[in-house]
Amino acid sequence: PKVVSGIDAESGRRIAAFYGSIVDRVVPVSTPSVAEMAKLLENTYRHVNIALINELAMFSYEMGIDIWEVIDAAASKPFGFQKFTPGPGVGGHCLPIDPSYLSWQVRRQLGYAFRFVELANDINEHMPDHVVRRVQLILNERSRALKGSRLLLLGMAYKRNSGDARESPAMRVAELLATLGADLRIVDPLVSDGARVAGSRVELTAEELDAADLVIVLTDHDTFDWDLVLERSVQIFDTRNRLRGDNVILL
């Protein structure tokens, strides 16, 4: 569906007719402001709900509860619940940017704080820090320090099967790990070689998996050979719930 509007009735009619020749469903609204607010509502809704499940994931880990099993159980309810899943943060142009723009406009025009957005920003922006803390704890369990450990990071894009690394939380995770002295190897065949990443870019091979002290799944592209990852990794920290196995630790 394409939400459309115009500055007057005639421009609205024409833009609706144009998009009606391209898409199956056009949703006309009264003003461009309504159309823009609808876009901002959609992105803010997702941003806030992702923040909710991210915070629940952090609490559930501390409480020894499998958040993924919790989500699947809650999703069995046939009404009143929409499934959102945790991850290393949010990225792309929409979720990290649009809700903040709306919050800024509300404060600028009305003088109010948009508290839901500000809280969601705080949670989602700090998910990379949580991922890094979990990496430290996982290595500590094996009597290894993060500094000097060889880490293989799978995926730098902000979402699966995309080459878009704008505002990607995976990039932030890599920066934090590099700052703490980790020896990073980065695998993402979809993200351009021109993208600046903290670490050495490599291909996903048995040799790289064998050499890694820990494999970290940050973006679960379908192009990755997941059977190989499971077979050859000493230990895997999966932030996307892609894998299951004795050597897999979930977010």
Protein backbone atom coordinates (compact mmCIF):
# COMPACT_ATOMS: atom_id res chain seq x y z
CA PRO A 1 0.00 0.00 0.00
CA LYS A 2 1.16 3.52 -0.82
CA VAL A 3 0.06 6.40 1.42
CA VAL A 4 -0.33 9.56 -0.67
CA SER A 5 -1.46 13.14 -0.30
CA GLY A 6 -1.25 16.51 -2.03
CA ILE A 7 -1.21 20.18 -1.21
CA ASP A 8 -4.80 20.47 -2.47
CA ALA A 9 -7.60 18.22 -3.76
CA GLU A 10 -6.43 18.23 -7.38
CA SER A 11 -2.79 17.40 -6.62
CA GLY A 12 -3.97 14.69 -4.25
CA ARG A 13 -6.17 13.21 -6.99
CA ARG A 14 -3.33 13.24 -9.51
CA ILE A 15 -0.75 11.63 -7.24
CA ALA A 16 -3.27 8.96 -6.25
CA ALA A 17 -3.95 8.26 -9.92
CA PHE A 18 -0.22 8.05 -10.66
CA TYR A 19 0.54 5.58 -7.87
CA GLY A 20 -2.68 3.71 -8.66
CA SER A 21 -1.15 2.81 -12.02
CA ILE A 22 1.87 1.24 -10.27
CA VAL A 23 0.72 -0.36 -7.00
CA ASP A 24 -2.28 -2.45 -6.03
CA ARG A 25 -3.53 -0.23 -3.22
CA VAL A 26 -3.37 3.54 -2.70
CA VAL A 27 -4.28 5.09 0.67
CA PRO A 28 -5.14 8.79 0.19
CA VAL A 29 -4.94 11.05 3.27
CA SER A 30 -5.97 14.65 3.73
CA THR A 31 -2.59 16.41 4.01
CA PRO A 32 1.13 15.72 3.50
CA SER A 33 1.57 16.18 7.25
CA VAL A 34 -0.78 13.26 7.90
CA ALA A 35 1.13 11.15 5.38
CA GLU A 36 4.46 12.00 6.98
CA MET A 37 3.15 11.37 10.49
CA ALA A 38 1.88 7.96 9.35
CA LYS A 39 5.42 7.08 8.24
CA LEU A 40 6.87 8.35 11.50
CA LEU A 41 4.28 6.41 13.52
CA GLU A 42 5.14 3.18 11.71
CA ASN A 43 8.86 3.56 12.36
CA THR A 44 8.42 4.79 15.92
CA TYR A 45 6.12 1.84 16.68
CA ARG A 46 8.77 -0.61 15.54
CA HIS A 47 11.57 1.30 17.25
CA VAL A 48 9.78 1.32 20.62
CA ASN A 49 8.76 -2.33 20.46
CA ILE A 50 12.26 -3.44 19.46
CA ALA A 51 13.58 -1.49 22.44
CA LEU A 52 11.07 -3.27 24.69
CA ILE A 53 12.17 -6.72 23.55
CA ASN A 54 15.84 -5.75 23.67
CA GLU A 55 15.52 -4.69 27.29
CA LEU A 56 13.57 -7.86 28.09
CA ALA A 57 16.35 -9.87 26.45
CA MET A 58 18.93 -8.27 28.75
CA PHE A 59 16.80 -8.92 31.84
CA SER A 60 15.99 -12.48 30.76
CA TYR A 61 19.68 -13.29 30.35
CA GLU A 62 20.37 -12.06 33.88
CA MET A 63 17.43 -14.13 35.18
CA GLY A 64 18.47 -17.30 33.34
CA ILE A 65 15.42 -17.30 31.06
CA ASP A 66 15.51 -18.10 27.32
CA ILE A 67 13.99 -14.97 25.74
CA TRP A 68 13.55 -16.74 22.39
CA GLU A 69 11.37 -19.42 23.97
CA VAL A 70 9.44 -16.67 25.76
CA ILE A 71 8.80 -14.85 22.46
CA ASP A 72 7.60 -18.00 20.71
CA ALA A 73 5.25 -18.80 23.58
CA ALA A 74 3.81 -15.27 23.63
CA ALA A 75 3.41 -15.32 19.84
CA SER A 76 1.04 -18.28 20.16
CA LYS A 77 -1.64 -15.81 21.29
CA PRO A 78 -3.87 -15.25 18.23
CA PHE A 79 -4.63 -11.59 19.02
CA GLY A 80 -3.19 -8.58 20.82
CA PHE A 81 0.46 -9.51 20.33
CA GLN A 82 2.90 -8.78 17.51
CA LYS A 83 6.21 -10.61 17.47
CA PHE A 84 9.38 -8.56 17.73
CA THR A 85 12.82 -10.06 18.25
CA PRO A 86 15.95 -8.76 20.00
CA GLY A 87 19.27 -8.13 18.31
CA PRO A 88 22.49 -6.11 18.53
CA GLY A 89 20.61 -2.84 17.96
CA VAL A 90 18.77 -1.06 15.15
CA GLY A 91 20.17 0.36 11.94
CA GLY A 92 19.39 1.72 8.51
CA HIS A 93 17.97 5.13 7.74
CA CYS A 94 14.47 4.72 9.22
CA LEU A 95 14.52 3.38 12.77
CA PRO A 96 17.57 5.21 14.20
CA ILE A 97 16.67 8.47 12.43
CA ASP A 98 12.92 8.97 11.93
CA PRO A 99 11.76 8.63 15.56
CA SER A 100 14.50 11.02 16.66
CA TYR A 101 13.38 13.51 14.02
CA LEU A 102 9.81 13.26 15.34
CA SER A 103 11.03 13.72 18.92
CA TRP A 104 13.02 16.80 17.85
CA GLN A 105 10.01 18.27 16.06
CA VAL A 106 7.75 17.72 19.09
CA ARG A 107 10.26 19.42 21.36
CA ARG A 108 10.88 22.26 18.87
CA GLN A 109 7.23 23.00 18.12
CA LEU A 110 5.54 22.10 21.40
CA GLY A 111 8.29 22.12 24.01
CA TYR A 112 7.46 18.56 25.11
CA ALA A 113 9.72 15.55 25.52
CA PHE A 114 8.69 12.48 23.53
CA ARG A 115 9.65 10.13 26.33
CA PHE A 116 8.89 6.85 24.57
CA VAL A 117 11.30 7.70 21.75
CA GLU A 118 14.01 9.00 24.06
CA LEU A 119 13.84 5.84 26.17
CA ALA A 120 13.83 3.60 23.08
CA ASN A 121 16.85 5.47 21.72
CA ASP A 122 18.73 4.93 24.96
CA ILE A 123 18.04 1.19 24.99
CA ASN A 124 18.66 0.47 21.30
CA GLU A 125 21.78 2.65 21.08
CA HIS A 126 23.36 0.71 23.96
CA MET A 127 22.64 -2.79 22.65
CA PRO A 128 26.11 -2.96 21.04
CA ASP A 129 27.57 -2.35 24.52
CA HIS A 130 25.50 -5.26 25.85
CA VAL A 131 26.77 -7.49 23.04
CA VAL A 132 30.37 -6.61 23.89
CA ARG A 133 29.78 -7.33 27.59
CA ARG A 134 28.36 -10.71 26.68
CA VAL A 135 31.41 -11.44 24.51
CA GLN A 136 33.68 -10.62 27.45
CA LEU A 137 31.71 -12.94 29.74
CA ILE A 138 31.72 -15.78 27.20
CA LEU A 139 35.49 -15.55 26.79
CA ASN A 140 35.98 -15.26 30.56
CA GLU A 141 34.18 -18.59 31.04
CA ARG A 142 36.98 -20.14 28.98
CA SER A 143 39.68 -18.20 30.88
CA ARG A 144 40.39 -15.99 27.90
CA ALA A 145 40.77 -12.21 27.86
CA LEU A 146 39.00 -10.20 25.18
CA LYS A 147 42.24 -8.38 24.39
CA GLY A 148 44.16 -10.45 21.88
CA SER A 149 41.35 -12.95 21.24
CA ARG A 150 40.67 -13.70 17.61
CA LEU A 151 37.01 -12.98 16.83
CA LEU A 152 35.21 -13.75 13.58
CA LEU A 153 32.26 -11.40 13.03
CA LEU A 154 29.57 -12.55 10.61
CA GLY A 155 27.57 -9.74 9.01
CA MET A 156 28.05 -5.98 9.03
CA ALA A 157 24.78 -4.90 7.35
CA TYR A 158 21.97 -3.63 9.53
CA LYS A 159 19.58 -6.36 8.38
CA ARG A 160 19.60 -9.80 6.78
CA ASN A 161 20.29 -10.15 3.04
CA SER A 162 21.06 -6.45 2.64
CA GLY A 163 24.28 -4.69 1.76
CA ASP A 164 23.25 -1.54 3.63
CA ALA A 165 25.52 -0.79 6.60
CA ARG A 166 24.12 2.67 7.40
CA GLU A 167 23.82 3.12 11.16
CA SER A 168 24.43 -0.62 11.50
CA PRO A 169 24.80 -1.80 15.11
CA ALA A 170 27.22 -4.47 13.86
CA MET A 171 29.65 -1.73 12.85
CA ARG A 172 29.46 -0.29 16.34
CA VAL A 173 30.05 -3.71 17.91
CA ALA A 174 33.16 -4.10 15.76
CA GLU A 175 34.43 -0.65 16.77
CA LEU A 176 33.99 -1.40 20.47
CA LEU A 177 35.68 -4.79 20.22
CA ALA A 178 38.60 -3.33 18.29
CA THR A 179 39.00 -0.56 20.87
CA LEU A 180 39.25 -3.22 23.59
CA GLY A 181 42.07 -4.95 21.73
CA ALA A 182 40.33 -7.86 20.01
CA ASP A 183 41.86 -9.32 16.84
CA LEU A 184 38.92 -8.95 14.44
CA ARG A 185 38.09 -10.79 11.22
CA ILE A 186 35.02 -9.52 9.37
CA VAL A 187 32.84 -11.48 6.92
CA ASP A 188 30.13 -9.81 4.86
CA PRO A 189 30.01 -10.46 1.12
CA LEU A 190 27.03 -8.12 0.68
CA VAL A 191 28.52 -4.97 2.20
CA SER A 192 30.77 -3.04 -0.17
CA ASP A 193 34.51 -3.29 0.29
CA GLY A 194 34.47 0.49 0.44
CA ALA A 195 32.67 0.45 3.78
CA ARG A 196 35.08 1.21 6.60
CA VAL A 197 35.03 -1.57 9.17
CA ALA A 198 37.16 -2.12 12.27
CA GLY A 199 39.01 -5.30 11.41
CA SER A 200 40.37 -7.37 8.54
CA ARG A 201 37.87 -8.47 5.91
CA VAL A 202 38.04 -12.17 5.09
CA GLU A 203 35.97 -14.86 3.41
CA LEU A 204 34.00 -17.42 5.37
CA THR A 205 36.22 -20.51 5.26
CA ALA A 206 36.88 -23.53 7.42
CA GLU A 207 40.33 -22.13 8.17
CA GLU A 208 38.94 -18.83 9.47
CA LEU A 209 36.38 -20.64 11.60
CA ASP A 210 39.01 -22.99 13.00
CA ALA A 211 41.27 -20.06 13.94
CA ALA A 212 38.58 -18.04 15.73
CA ASP A 213 38.36 -18.07 19.51
CA LEU A 214 34.74 -16.98 19.09
CA VAL A 215 32.39 -16.55 16.13
CA ILE A 216 29.83 -13.75 16.55
CA VAL A 217 26.71 -13.69 14.39
CA LEU A 218 25.64 -10.07 13.98
CA THR A 219 23.69 -10.26 10.69
CA ASP A 220 22.33 -13.63 9.56
CA HIS A 221 22.59 -13.46 5.77
CA ASP A 222 21.15 -16.49 3.97
CA THR A 223 24.29 -16.59 1.82
CA PHE A 224 26.43 -17.77 4.76
CA ASP A 225 27.18 -21.49 4.94
CA TRP A 226 25.55 -22.05 8.32
CA ASP A 227 26.26 -25.78 8.35
CA LEU A 228 29.97 -25.00 8.01
CA VAL A 229 29.74 -22.38 10.77
CA LEU A 230 28.16 -24.90 13.14
CA GLU A 231 30.59 -27.65 12.23
CA ARG A 232 33.89 -25.75 12.46
CA SER A 233 33.35 -23.15 15.20
CA VAL A 234 34.68 -23.75 18.68
CA GLN A 235 32.01 -21.43 20.07
CA ILE A 236 29.36 -19.16 18.54
CA PHE A 237 27.63 -16.14 20.04
CA ASP A 238 24.46 -15.74 17.97
CA THR A 239 22.68 -12.40 18.40
CA ARG A 240 20.05 -13.27 15.75
CA ASN A 241 18.74 -16.70 16.84
CA ARG A 242 19.88 -18.30 13.59
CA LEU A 243 21.65 -21.35 15.00
CA ARG A 244 21.13 -24.09 17.52
CA GLY A 245 23.81 -26.41 18.86
CA ASP A 246 25.98 -27.33 21.81
CA ASN A 247 28.54 -24.70 20.72
CA VAL A 248 25.95 -21.90 20.32
CA ILE A 249 25.16 -19.20 22.90
CA LEU A 250 22.17 -16.95 22.17
CA LEU A 251 21.74 -13.26 22.96
